[in-house]
All heavy atoms as atom14 arrays in JSON, in Angstrom:
{
  "sequence": "GRFTISGDKAKNTVYLQLNSLKPEDTAVYYC",
  "atom14_mask": [
    [1, 1, 1, 1, 0, 0, 0, 0, 0, 0, 0, 0, 0, 0],
    [1, 1, 1, 1, 1, 1, 1, 1, 1, 1, 1, 0, 0, 0],
    [1, 1, 1, 1, 1, 1, 1, 1, 1, 1, 1, 0, 0, 0],
    [1, 1, 1, 1, 1, 1, 1, 0, 0, 0, 0, 0, 0, 0],
    [1, 1, 1, 1, 1, 1, 1, 1, 0, 0, 0, 0, 0, 0],
    [1, 1, 1, 1, 1, 1, 0, 0, 0, 0, 0, 0, 0, 0],
    [1, 1, 1, 1, 0, 0, 0, 0, 0, 0, 0, 0, 0, 0],
    [1, 1, 1, 1, 1, 1, 1, 1, 0, 0, 0, 0, 0, 0],
    [1, 1, 1, 1, 1, 1, 1, 1, 1, 0, 0, 0, 0, 0],
    [1, 1, 1, 1, 1, 0, 0, 0, 0, 0, 0, 0, 0, 0],
    [1, 1, 1, 1, 1, 1, 1, 1, 1, 0, 0, 0, 0, 0],
    [1, 1, 1, 1, 1, 1, 1, 1, 0, 0, 0, 0, 0, 0],
    [1, 1, 1, 1, 1, 1, 1, 0, 0, 0, 0, 0, 0, 0],
    [1, 1, 1, 1, 1, 1, 1, 0, 0, 0, 0, 0, 0, 0],
    [1, 1, 1, 1, 1, 1, 1, 1, 1, 1, 1, 1, 0, 0],
    [1, 1, 1, 1, 1, 1, 1, 1, 0, 0, 0, 0, 0, 0],
    [1, 1, 1, 1, 1, 1, 1, 1, 1, 0, 0, 0, 0, 0],
    [1, 1, 1, 1, 1, 1, 1, 1, 0, 0, 0, 0, 0, 0],
    [1, 1, 1, 1, 1, 1, 1, 1, 0, 0, 0, 0, 0, 0],
    [1, 1, 1, 1, 1, 1, 0, 0, 0, 0, 0, 0, 0, 0],
    [1, 1, 1, 1, 1, 1, 1, 1, 0, 0, 0, 0, 0, 0],
    [1, 1, 1, 1, 1, 1, 1, 1, 1, 0, 0, 0, 0, 0],
    [1, 1, 1, 1, 1, 1, 1, 0, 0, 0, 0, 0, 0, 0],
    [1, 1, 1, 1, 1, 1, 1, 1, 1, 0, 0, 0, 0, 0],
    [1, 1, 1, 1, 1, 1, 1, 1, 0, 0, 0, 0, 0, 0],
    [1, 1, 1, 1, 1, 1, 1, 0, 0, 0, 0, 0, 0, 0],
    [1, 1, 1, 1, 1, 0, 0, 0, 0, 0, 0, 0, 0, 0],
    [1, 1, 1, 1, 1, 1, 1, 0, 0, 0, 0, 0, 0, 0],
    [1, 1, 1, 1, 1, 1, 1, 1, 1, 1, 1, 1, 0, 0],
    [1, 1, 1, 1, 1, 1, 1, 1, 1, 1, 1, 1, 0, 0],
    [1, 1, 1, 1, 1, 1, 0, 0, 0, 0, 0, 0, 0, 0]
  ],
  "atom14_positions": [
    [[91.01, 80.27, 107.43], [91.87, 79.23, 107.91], [92.87, 78.77, 106.91], [93.84, 78.15, 107.26], [0.0, 0.0, 0.0], [0.0, 0.0, 0.0], [0.0, 0.0, 0.0], [0.0, 0.0, 0.0], [0.0, 0.0, 0.0], [0.0, 0.0, 0.0], [0.0, 0.0, 0.0], [0.0, 0.0, 0.0], [0.0, 0.0, 0.0], [0.0, 0.0, 0.0]],
    [[92.71, 79.15, 105.6], [93.64, 78.79, 104.54], [94.35, 80.03, 103.93], [95.48, 79.93, 103.57], [92.93, 78.03, 103.46], [92.3, 76.73, 103.95], [91.73, 75.95, 102.75], [90.69, 76.62, 102.07], [90.77, 77.02, 100.77], [91.86, 76.7, 100.05], [89.8, 77.61, 100.2], [0.0, 0.0, 0.0], [0.0, 0.0, 0.0], [0.0, 0.0, 0.0]],
    [[93.6, 81.14, 103.83], [94.14, 82.38, 103.28], [94.41, 83.37, 104.43], [93.7, 83.47, 105.47], [93.17, 82.95, 102.34], [92.92, 82.23, 101.08], [93.42, 80.96, 100.88], [92.14, 82.78, 100.03], [93.2, 80.22, 99.75], [91.87, 82.07, 98.89], [92.39, 80.8, 98.75], [0.0, 0.0, 0.0], [0.0, 0.0, 0.0], [0.0, 0.0, 0.0]],
    [[95.42, 84.2, 104.22], [95.75, 85.23, 105.14], [96.07, 86.52, 104.45], [96.93, 86.55, 103.46], [96.99, 84.88, 106.0], [96.75, 83.64, 106.67], [97.33, 85.93, 107.03], [0.0, 0.0, 0.0], [0.0, 0.0, 0.0], [0.0, 0.0, 0.0], [0.0, 0.0, 0.0], [0.0, 0.0, 0.0], [0.0, 0.0, 0.0], [0.0, 0.0, 0.0]],
    [[95.38, 87.56, 104.8], [95.57, 88.9, 104.26], [96.58, 89.72, 105.18], [96.34, 89.64, 106.36], [94.33, 89.61, 103.92], [94.52, 90.9, 103.03], [93.58, 90.04, 105.24], [93.26, 91.53, 102.56], [0.0, 0.0, 0.0], [0.0, 0.0, 0.0], [0.0, 0.0, 0.0], [0.0, 0.0, 0.0], [0.0, 0.0, 0.0], [0.0, 0.0, 0.0]],
    [[97.44, 90.47, 104.58], [98.27, 91.32, 105.32], [98.62, 92.58, 104.49], [98.54, 92.59, 103.3], [99.55, 90.57, 105.75], [100.24, 90.21, 104.68], [0.0, 0.0, 0.0], [0.0, 0.0, 0.0], [0.0, 0.0, 0.0], [0.0, 0.0, 0.0], [0.0, 0.0, 0.0], [0.0, 0.0, 0.0], [0.0, 0.0, 0.0], [0.0, 0.0, 0.0]],
    [[99.14, 93.56, 105.24], [99.55, 94.78, 104.55], [100.89, 95.22, 104.92], [101.37, 95.08, 106.08], [0.0, 0.0, 0.0], [0.0, 0.0, 0.0], [0.0, 0.0, 0.0], [0.0, 0.0, 0.0], [0.0, 0.0, 0.0], [0.0, 0.0, 0.0], [0.0, 0.0, 0.0], [0.0, 0.0, 0.0], [0.0, 0.0, 0.0], [0.0, 0.0, 0.0]],
    [[101.63, 95.84, 104.01], [102.9, 96.49, 104.29], [102.76, 97.99, 103.89], [102.8, 98.33, 102.76], [104.01, 95.87, 103.47], [105.37, 96.37, 103.8], [105.52, 97.53, 104.3], [106.38, 95.68, 103.61], [0.0, 0.0, 0.0], [0.0, 0.0, 0.0], [0.0, 0.0, 0.0], [0.0, 0.0, 0.0], [0.0, 0.0, 0.0], [0.0, 0.0, 0.0]],
    [[102.49, 98.8, 104.9], [102.16, 100.23, 104.63], [103.37, 100.97, 104.08], [103.27, 101.88, 103.24], [101.69, 100.85, 105.89], [100.35, 100.41, 106.36], [99.81, 101.18, 107.5], [98.37, 100.73, 107.97], [97.84, 101.52, 109.06], [0.0, 0.0, 0.0], [0.0, 0.0, 0.0], [0.0, 0.0, 0.0], [0.0, 0.0, 0.0], [0.0, 0.0, 0.0]],
    [[104.56, 100.55, 104.46], [105.83, 101.21, 103.91], [105.83, 100.93, 102.38], [106.38, 101.86, 101.65], [106.97, 100.65, 104.59], [0.0, 0.0, 0.0], [0.0, 0.0, 0.0], [0.0, 0.0, 0.0], [0.0, 0.0, 0.0], [0.0, 0.0, 0.0], [0.0, 0.0, 0.0], [0.0, 0.0, 0.0], [0.0, 0.0, 0.0], [0.0, 0.0, 0.0]],
    [[105.4, 99.85, 101.9], [105.44, 99.51, 100.49], [104.12, 99.76, 99.81], [104.01, 99.63, 98.61], [105.84, 98.04, 100.28], [107.25, 97.74, 100.77], [107.57, 96.24, 100.47], [108.88, 95.86, 100.92], [109.22, 94.48, 100.66], [0.0, 0.0, 0.0], [0.0, 0.0, 0.0], [0.0, 0.0, 0.0], [0.0, 0.0, 0.0], [0.0, 0.0, 0.0]],
    [[103.07, 100.14, 100.61], [101.78, 100.41, 100.06], [101.18, 99.2, 99.26], [100.69, 99.29, 98.18], [101.75, 101.67, 99.2], [100.33, 102.42, 99.33], [99.83, 102.59, 100.41], [99.87, 102.9, 98.21], [0.0, 0.0, 0.0], [0.0, 0.0, 0.0], [0.0, 0.0, 0.0], [0.0, 0.0, 0.0], [0.0, 0.0, 0.0], [0.0, 0.0, 0.0]],
    [[101.51, 98.11, 99.88], [101.13, 96.76, 99.19], [100.38, 95.82, 100.2], [100.76, 95.78, 101.31], [102.44, 96.1, 98.69], [103.11, 96.92, 97.7], [102.06, 94.78, 98.05], [0.0, 0.0, 0.0], [0.0, 0.0, 0.0], [0.0, 0.0, 0.0], [0.0, 0.0, 0.0], [0.0, 0.0, 0.0], [0.0, 0.0, 0.0], [0.0, 0.0, 0.0]],
    [[99.36, 95.22, 99.67], [98.63, 94.23, 100.45], [98.91, 92.87, 99.79], [99.02, 92.71, 98.56], [97.14, 94.61, 100.37], [96.31, 93.39, 100.99], [96.84, 95.71, 101.23], [0.0, 0.0, 0.0], [0.0, 0.0, 0.0], [0.0, 0.0, 0.0], [0.0, 0.0, 0.0], [0.0, 0.0, 0.0], [0.0, 0.0, 0.0], [0.0, 0.0, 0.0]],
    [[99.03, 91.85, 100.64], [99.31, 90.56, 100.3], [98.16, 89.61, 100.65], [97.4, 89.84, 101.6], [100.62, 90.0, 100.92], [101.79, 90.88, 100.68], [102.12, 91.81, 101.59], [102.55, 90.78, 99.51], [103.26, 92.61, 101.37], [103.61, 91.55, 99.24], [103.99, 92.52, 100.18], [105.09, 93.3, 99.99], [0.0, 0.0, 0.0], [0.0, 0.0, 0.0]],
    [[97.99, 88.54, 99.83], [97.13, 87.49, 100.18], [97.82, 86.19, 100.08], [98.21, 85.78, 99.01], [95.91, 87.5, 99.26], [94.77, 86.51, 99.69], [94.03, 86.93, 101.01], [93.65, 86.46, 98.57], [0.0, 0.0, 0.0], [0.0, 0.0, 0.0], [0.0, 0.0, 0.0], [0.0, 0.0, 0.0], [0.0, 0.0, 0.0], [0.0, 0.0, 0.0]],
    [[98.03, 85.57, 101.26], [98.82, 84.29, 101.29], [97.68, 83.24, 101.05], [96.78, 83.13, 101.89], [99.53, 84.16, 102.54], [100.18, 82.81, 102.76], [101.36, 82.65, 101.8], [102.16, 83.67, 101.65], [101.65, 81.5, 101.22], [0.0, 0.0, 0.0], [0.0, 0.0, 0.0], [0.0, 0.0, 0.0], [0.0, 0.0, 0.0], [0.0, 0.0, 0.0]],
    [[97.92, 82.39, 100.08], [96.95, 81.31, 99.72], [97.67, 79.97, 100.13], [98.64, 79.64, 99.54], [96.64, 81.28, 98.28], [96.25, 82.64, 97.65], [95.97, 82.4, 96.14], [95.08, 83.27, 98.29], [0.0, 0.0, 0.0], [0.0, 0.0, 0.0], [0.0, 0.0, 0.0], [0.0, 0.0, 0.0], [0.0, 0.0, 0.0], [0.0, 0.0, 0.0]],
    [[97.1, 79.28, 101.07], [97.62, 78.02, 101.59], [96.6, 76.96, 101.32], [95.39, 77.19, 101.26], [98.0, 78.11, 102.99], [99.28, 78.99, 103.26], [100.1, 79.14, 102.42], [99.3, 79.64, 104.42], [0.0, 0.0, 0.0], [0.0, 0.0, 0.0], [0.0, 0.0, 0.0], [0.0, 0.0, 0.0], [0.0, 0.0, 0.0], [0.0, 0.0, 0.0]],
    [[97.01, 75.73, 101.32], [96.17, 74.53, 101.21], [95.16, 74.74, 100.09], [93.95, 74.59, 100.3], [95.4, 74.32, 102.56], [96.32, 74.18, 103.65], [0.0, 0.0, 0.0], [0.0, 0.0, 0.0], [0.0, 0.0, 0.0], [0.0, 0.0, 0.0], [0.0, 0.0, 0.0], [0.0, 0.0, 0.0], [0.0, 0.0, 0.0], [0.0, 0.0, 0.0]],
    [[95.66, 75.09, 98.99], [94.81, 75.41, 97.84], [94.09, 74.23, 97.32], [94.57, 73.13, 97.27], [95.62, 76.09, 96.69], [96.11, 77.56, 96.95], [97.27, 77.91, 96.08], [94.88, 78.46, 96.76], [0.0, 0.0, 0.0], [0.0, 0.0, 0.0], [0.0, 0.0, 0.0], [0.0, 0.0, 0.0], [0.0, 0.0, 0.0], [0.0, 0.0, 0.0]],
    [[92.83, 74.52, 96.9], [91.94, 73.57, 96.39], [91.64, 73.9, 94.85], [91.67, 75.02, 94.52], [90.69, 73.48, 97.16], [90.86, 73.25, 98.62], [89.54, 73.31, 99.38], [89.71, 73.09, 100.88], [88.38, 73.25, 101.59], [0.0, 0.0, 0.0], [0.0, 0.0, 0.0], [0.0, 0.0, 0.0], [0.0, 0.0, 0.0], [0.0, 0.0, 0.0]],
    [[91.27, 72.89, 94.11], [90.83, 73.19, 92.72], [89.77, 74.26, 92.6], [89.74, 75.1, 91.69], [90.37, 71.88, 92.16], [91.22, 70.84, 92.98], [91.28, 71.46, 94.34], [0.0, 0.0, 0.0], [0.0, 0.0, 0.0], [0.0, 0.0, 0.0], [0.0, 0.0, 0.0], [0.0, 0.0, 0.0], [0.0, 0.0, 0.0], [0.0, 0.0, 0.0]],
    [[88.87, 74.28, 93.54], [87.77, 75.21, 93.55], [88.27, 76.67, 93.83], [87.52, 77.63, 93.73], [86.65, 74.89, 94.48], [87.17, 74.61, 95.92], [87.32, 73.09, 96.16], [87.84, 72.43, 95.3], [86.87, 72.67, 97.24], [0.0, 0.0, 0.0], [0.0, 0.0, 0.0], [0.0, 0.0, 0.0], [0.0, 0.0, 0.0], [0.0, 0.0, 0.0]],
    [[89.51, 76.86, 94.18], [90.03, 78.17, 94.35], [90.55, 78.8, 93.03], [90.94, 79.91, 93.06], [91.29, 78.16, 95.33], [90.92, 77.81, 96.77], [89.86, 78.26, 97.25], [91.62, 77.0, 97.41], [0.0, 0.0, 0.0], [0.0, 0.0, 0.0], [0.0, 0.0, 0.0], [0.0, 0.0, 0.0], [0.0, 0.0, 0.0], [0.0, 0.0, 0.0]],
    [[90.56, 78.01, 92.0], [90.93, 78.5, 90.71], [90.05, 79.67, 90.26], [88.86, 79.56, 90.24], [90.81, 77.4, 89.65], [91.82, 76.29, 89.99], [91.18, 77.89, 88.28], [0.0, 0.0, 0.0], [0.0, 0.0, 0.0], [0.0, 0.0, 0.0], [0.0, 0.0, 0.0], [0.0, 0.0, 0.0], [0.0, 0.0, 0.0], [0.0, 0.0, 0.0]],
    [[90.64, 80.83, 89.91], [89.9, 81.99, 89.66], [90.87, 83.11, 89.24], [92.12, 82.94, 89.53], [89.05, 82.51, 90.79], [0.0, 0.0, 0.0], [0.0, 0.0, 0.0], [0.0, 0.0, 0.0], [0.0, 0.0, 0.0], [0.0, 0.0, 0.0], [0.0, 0.0, 0.0], [0.0, 0.0, 0.0], [0.0, 0.0, 0.0], [0.0, 0.0, 0.0]],
    [[90.42, 84.12, 88.76], [91.16, 85.38, 88.62], [90.97, 86.2, 89.9], [89.8, 86.4, 90.25], [90.79, 86.27, 87.3], [91.52, 87.56, 87.31], [90.99, 85.46, 86.14], [0.0, 0.0, 0.0], [0.0, 0.0, 0.0], [0.0, 0.0, 0.0], [0.0, 0.0, 0.0], [0.0, 0.0, 0.0], [0.0, 0.0, 0.0], [0.0, 0.0, 0.0]],
    [[92.03, 86.62, 90.47], [91.95, 87.31, 91.77], [92.24, 88.76, 91.51], [93.22, 89.17, 90.81], [92.99, 86.72, 92.73], [92.52, 85.45, 93.36], [92.5, 84.26, 92.61], [92.13, 85.34, 94.71], [92.12, 82.99, 93.06], [91.71, 84.07, 95.18], [91.71, 82.96, 94.38], [91.33, 81.72, 94.93], [0.0, 0.0, 0.0], [0.0, 0.0, 0.0]],
    [[91.43, 89.64, 92.13], [91.52, 91.07, 91.94], [91.59, 91.73, 93.27], [91.0, 91.25, 94.36], [90.26, 91.63, 91.3], [89.91, 91.07, 89.9], [89.24, 89.88, 89.79], [90.44, 91.67, 88.79], [88.87, 89.4, 88.6], [90.09, 91.22, 87.48], [89.31, 90.05, 87.44], [89.01, 89.55, 86.19], [0.0, 0.0, 0.0], [0.0, 0.0, 0.0]],
    [[92.26, 92.83, 93.41], [92.22, 93.63, 94.6], [91.49, 94.84, 94.26], [91.41, 95.32, 93.13], [93.67, 93.96, 95.21], [94.82, 94.68, 94.03], [0.0, 0.0, 0.0], [0.0, 0.0, 0.0], [0.0, 0.0, 0.0], [0.0, 0.0, 0.0], [0.0, 0.0, 0.0], [0.0, 0.0, 0.0], [0.0, 0.0, 0.0], [0.0, 0.0, 0.0]]
  ]
}
């Protein structure tokens, strides 16, 4: 409900949209 994953196959790139961020979301993010 807060994060959204999507992909752009033409760019061979995946995105993670982070919304309504909370302090507990603090972290190193890896794909």
